[in-house]
Protein backbone atom coordinates (compact mmCIF):
# COMPACT_ATOMS: atom_id res chain seq x y z
CA MET A 1 -37.80 -5.13 -66.85
CA ASN A 2 -40.03 -8.13 -66.95
CA GLU A 3 -42.80 -9.08 -64.21
CA LYS A 4 -40.42 -11.22 -62.32
CA GLN A 5 -37.92 -8.35 -62.06
CA LYS A 6 -40.31 -5.76 -61.12
CA THR A 7 -41.60 -8.11 -58.15
CA THR A 8 -38.10 -8.57 -57.11
CA ARG A 9 -37.48 -4.81 -57.07
CA ALA A 10 -40.75 -3.95 -55.35
CA THR A 11 -39.87 -6.52 -52.62
CA LYS A 12 -36.31 -5.17 -52.13
CA VAL A 13 -37.70 -1.53 -51.94
CA LYS A 14 -40.54 -2.47 -49.41
CA LYS A 15 -37.88 -4.21 -47.10
CA GLN A 16 -35.69 -1.24 -47.34
CA LYS A 17 -38.58 1.32 -46.57
CA LEU A 18 -39.63 -0.99 -43.79
CA ALA A 19 -36.08 -0.97 -42.31
CA LEU A 20 -35.85 2.69 -42.35
CA ARG A 21 -39.22 3.05 -40.95
CA GLU A 22 -38.19 0.88 -37.94
CA GLN A 23 -34.99 3.00 -37.48
CA VAL A 24 -37.10 6.17 -37.40
CA TRP A 25 -40.09 5.14 -35.33
CA GLY A 26 -39.23 1.59 -33.75
CA LYS A 27 -41.93 -1.08 -33.78
CA VAL A 28 -45.30 0.29 -35.32
CA ASP A 29 -48.69 -0.94 -34.51
CA GLU A 30 -49.58 -2.11 -37.97
CA SER A 31 -53.30 -2.08 -37.21
CA ARG A 32 -53.08 1.81 -37.09
CA LEU A 33 -51.76 2.16 -40.71
CA TRP A 34 -53.67 2.21 -43.91
CA ASP A 35 -52.50 -0.92 -45.87
CA ARG A 36 -54.32 -0.85 -49.44
CA THR A 37 -53.90 -4.56 -49.70
CA LYS A 38 -55.84 -5.16 -46.60
CA ASN A 39 -58.29 -2.36 -46.51
CA ASP A 40 -61.12 -1.67 -48.91
CA GLY A 41 -62.16 1.61 -50.29
CA TYR A 42 -58.96 2.70 -51.91
CA THR A 43 -58.12 3.84 -55.56
CA THR A 44 -54.93 3.94 -57.54
CA LEU A 45 -53.37 7.36 -58.02
CA PRO A 46 -50.64 8.52 -60.13
CA ARG A 47 -47.65 9.48 -57.91
CA THR A 48 -47.66 12.73 -59.78
CA PHE A 49 -50.95 13.84 -58.94
CA PRO A 50 -49.96 17.03 -57.13
CA LEU A 51 -48.11 18.10 -60.14
CA LEU A 52 -51.00 17.25 -62.32
CA ALA A 53 -53.30 19.30 -60.04
CA GLN A 54 -51.33 22.39 -60.46
CA ILE A 55 -51.23 22.06 -64.13
CA MET A 56 -54.96 21.30 -64.49
CA ASP A 57 -55.96 24.30 -62.31
CA ASP A 58 -53.61 26.51 -64.25
CA LEU A 59 -55.35 25.36 -67.59
CA ALA A 60 -58.84 26.22 -66.10
CA ASP A 61 -60.36 29.56 -65.63
CA LYS A 62 -58.52 31.86 -63.10
CA GLY A 63 -60.18 31.53 -59.70
CA LYS A 64 -62.15 28.36 -60.90
CA PRO A 65 -59.77 25.43 -60.20
CA VAL A 66 -61.01 21.98 -61.71
CA PHE A 67 -58.61 19.57 -59.74
CA GLN A 68 -60.81 18.92 -56.69
CA THR A 69 -63.72 18.03 -58.78
CA TYR A 70 -61.39 15.88 -61.07
CA LEU A 71 -60.08 14.12 -57.85
CA THR A 72 -63.74 13.44 -56.68
CA LEU A 73 -64.31 11.82 -59.98
CA TRP A 74 -60.94 9.83 -60.06
CA CYS A 75 -61.80 8.45 -56.31
CA ARG A 76 -65.06 7.07 -57.85
CA VAL A 77 -63.60 5.36 -60.99
CA PHE A 78 -62.28 1.77 -61.65
CA ASP A 79 -60.16 0.38 -64.34
CA GLU A 80 -62.78 0.86 -66.96
CA SER A 81 -62.26 4.82 -66.81
CA PHE A 82 -66.07 5.23 -66.38
CA ILE A 83 -68.34 6.58 -63.75
CA GLU A 84 -72.23 6.76 -63.58
CA ILE A 85 -73.34 9.80 -61.36
CA LYS A 86 -76.73 9.34 -59.87
CA ASN A 87 -76.33 11.98 -57.09
CA PRO A 88 -74.70 15.29 -58.33
CA LEU A 89 -75.24 16.91 -54.97
CA GLN A 90 -73.06 14.33 -53.40
CA LEU A 91 -70.26 14.78 -55.80
CA ALA A 92 -70.54 18.59 -55.51
CA SER A 93 -70.23 18.37 -51.89
CA GLU A 94 -67.41 15.93 -52.13
CA SER A 95 -65.69 18.54 -54.38
CA GLY A 96 -65.77 21.14 -51.73
CA PHE A 97 -69.01 22.95 -52.90
CA ALA A 98 -71.60 23.62 -50.06
CA SER A 99 -73.59 26.50 -50.81
CA GLN A 100 -76.97 26.68 -52.48
CA ARG A 101 -75.28 26.96 -55.54
CA ALA A 102 -73.05 23.81 -54.98
CA VAL A 103 -74.37 21.77 -57.98
CA THR A 104 -74.36 24.78 -60.32
CA THR A 105 -70.64 25.53 -59.37
CA TRP A 106 -69.75 21.75 -59.75
CA ASN A 107 -71.61 21.63 -63.12
CA GLY A 108 -69.34 24.38 -64.32
CA ARG A 109 -66.29 22.71 -63.12
CA MET A 110 -67.53 19.45 -64.99
CA ALA A 111 -68.15 21.61 -68.01
CA LYS A 112 -64.41 23.09 -67.94
CA LEU A 113 -63.09 19.57 -67.56
CA ALA A 114 -64.95 18.50 -70.43
CA GLU A 115 -63.96 21.47 -72.38
CA LEU A 116 -60.18 20.77 -71.55
CA GLY A 117 -60.84 17.33 -72.60
CA PHE A 118 -59.76 15.63 -69.34
CA ILE A 119 -63.39 14.02 -69.33
CA ASN A 120 -66.16 13.21 -71.86
CA VAL A 121 -69.67 13.49 -70.52
CA GLU A 122 -73.10 12.14 -71.66
CA ALA A 123 -76.33 13.09 -70.23
CA GLY A 124 -78.85 10.68 -68.83
CA PRO A 125 -82.17 10.70 -67.13
CA LEU A 126 -80.56 11.90 -63.96
CA GLY A 127 -78.70 14.97 -65.15
CA ASP A 128 -76.36 16.30 -67.75
CA TYR A 129 -73.20 14.70 -66.28
CA GLN A 130 -74.65 11.24 -65.49
CA TYR A 131 -72.06 9.25 -67.43
CA VAL A 132 -68.46 10.30 -67.42
CA LEU A 133 -65.31 9.00 -69.12
CA ILE A 134 -62.00 9.91 -67.66
CA TYR A 135 -59.18 10.15 -70.01
CA ASN A 136 -55.35 9.70 -69.20
CA PRO A 137 -54.43 13.14 -67.94
CA TYR A 138 -50.58 12.67 -68.86
CA LEU A 139 -51.61 12.55 -72.40
CA LEU A 140 -53.67 15.58 -72.46
CA ILE A 141 -51.12 17.70 -70.58
CA LYS A 142 -48.51 16.45 -73.09
CA GLU A 143 -50.75 17.95 -75.57
CA PHE A 144 -51.24 21.27 -73.77
CA ASN A 145 -47.58 21.47 -73.47
CA GLU A 146 -46.93 20.87 -77.05
CA LYS A 147 -49.25 23.79 -77.80
CA GLY A 148 -47.26 26.01 -75.19
CA GLU A 149 -50.09 26.09 -72.87
CA VAL A 150 -48.32 24.66 -69.85
CA GLN A 151 -45.59 26.67 -67.69
CA LYS A 152 -42.27 25.29 -68.64
CA GLY A 153 -41.13 24.64 -65.16
CA LYS A 154 -44.20 22.86 -64.11
CA TYR A 155 -44.04 20.72 -67.29
CA LEU A 156 -40.34 19.95 -66.59
CA ALA A 157 -41.23 18.97 -63.03
CA LEU A 158 -44.10 16.77 -64.01
CA PHE A 159 -41.82 15.06 -66.58
CA ALA A 160 -38.90 14.53 -64.22
CA ARG A 161 -41.24 13.07 -61.39
CA ALA A 162 -42.91 10.89 -64.06
CA GLN A 163 -39.58 9.43 -65.03
CA GLU A 164 -38.68 9.11 -61.45
CA VAL A 165 -41.69 6.93 -60.85
CA GLY A 166 -41.48 5.06 -64.01
CA ALA A 167 -44.43 6.56 -65.96
CA LYS A 168 -43.88 6.45 -69.56
CA ASP A 169 -46.98 8.64 -70.77
CA LEU A 170 -45.08 11.76 -71.47
CA GLU A 171 -42.25 10.18 -73.67
């Protein structure tokens, strides 16, 4: 599908969604809705993120899920896939860690994400995880699946959803 076809399809789908929304809720006050094209402070997420989350947490140590930490990183990254972390306590808090051991716990999750290969990290003057490179999670999960380390049902669900949304990374 070329760019013009993609734009035409997206416009058609948008019109269909808006027509259905109006049927369900009537006229909606647009000012009360989030519009990524009009509001700042957004990021792009794969539509498969909930499935990626489940698989990533399965790959981590039992009782030590990594996805919330990964999501926190993702929400700070731009298209260059690179983050500079200047305040680990802030990221620990955003990842859901609030005790006196928040940064220690966050460091453990960062280490696991790096061990699994979802991120690459380099130390800097502000800490062990000052520089973070985020890799394509689809490619890594595909590799884990090829080694038999992903639950078949979850991988099939991810693959099917990726196909549904047009993501080609798992092919």
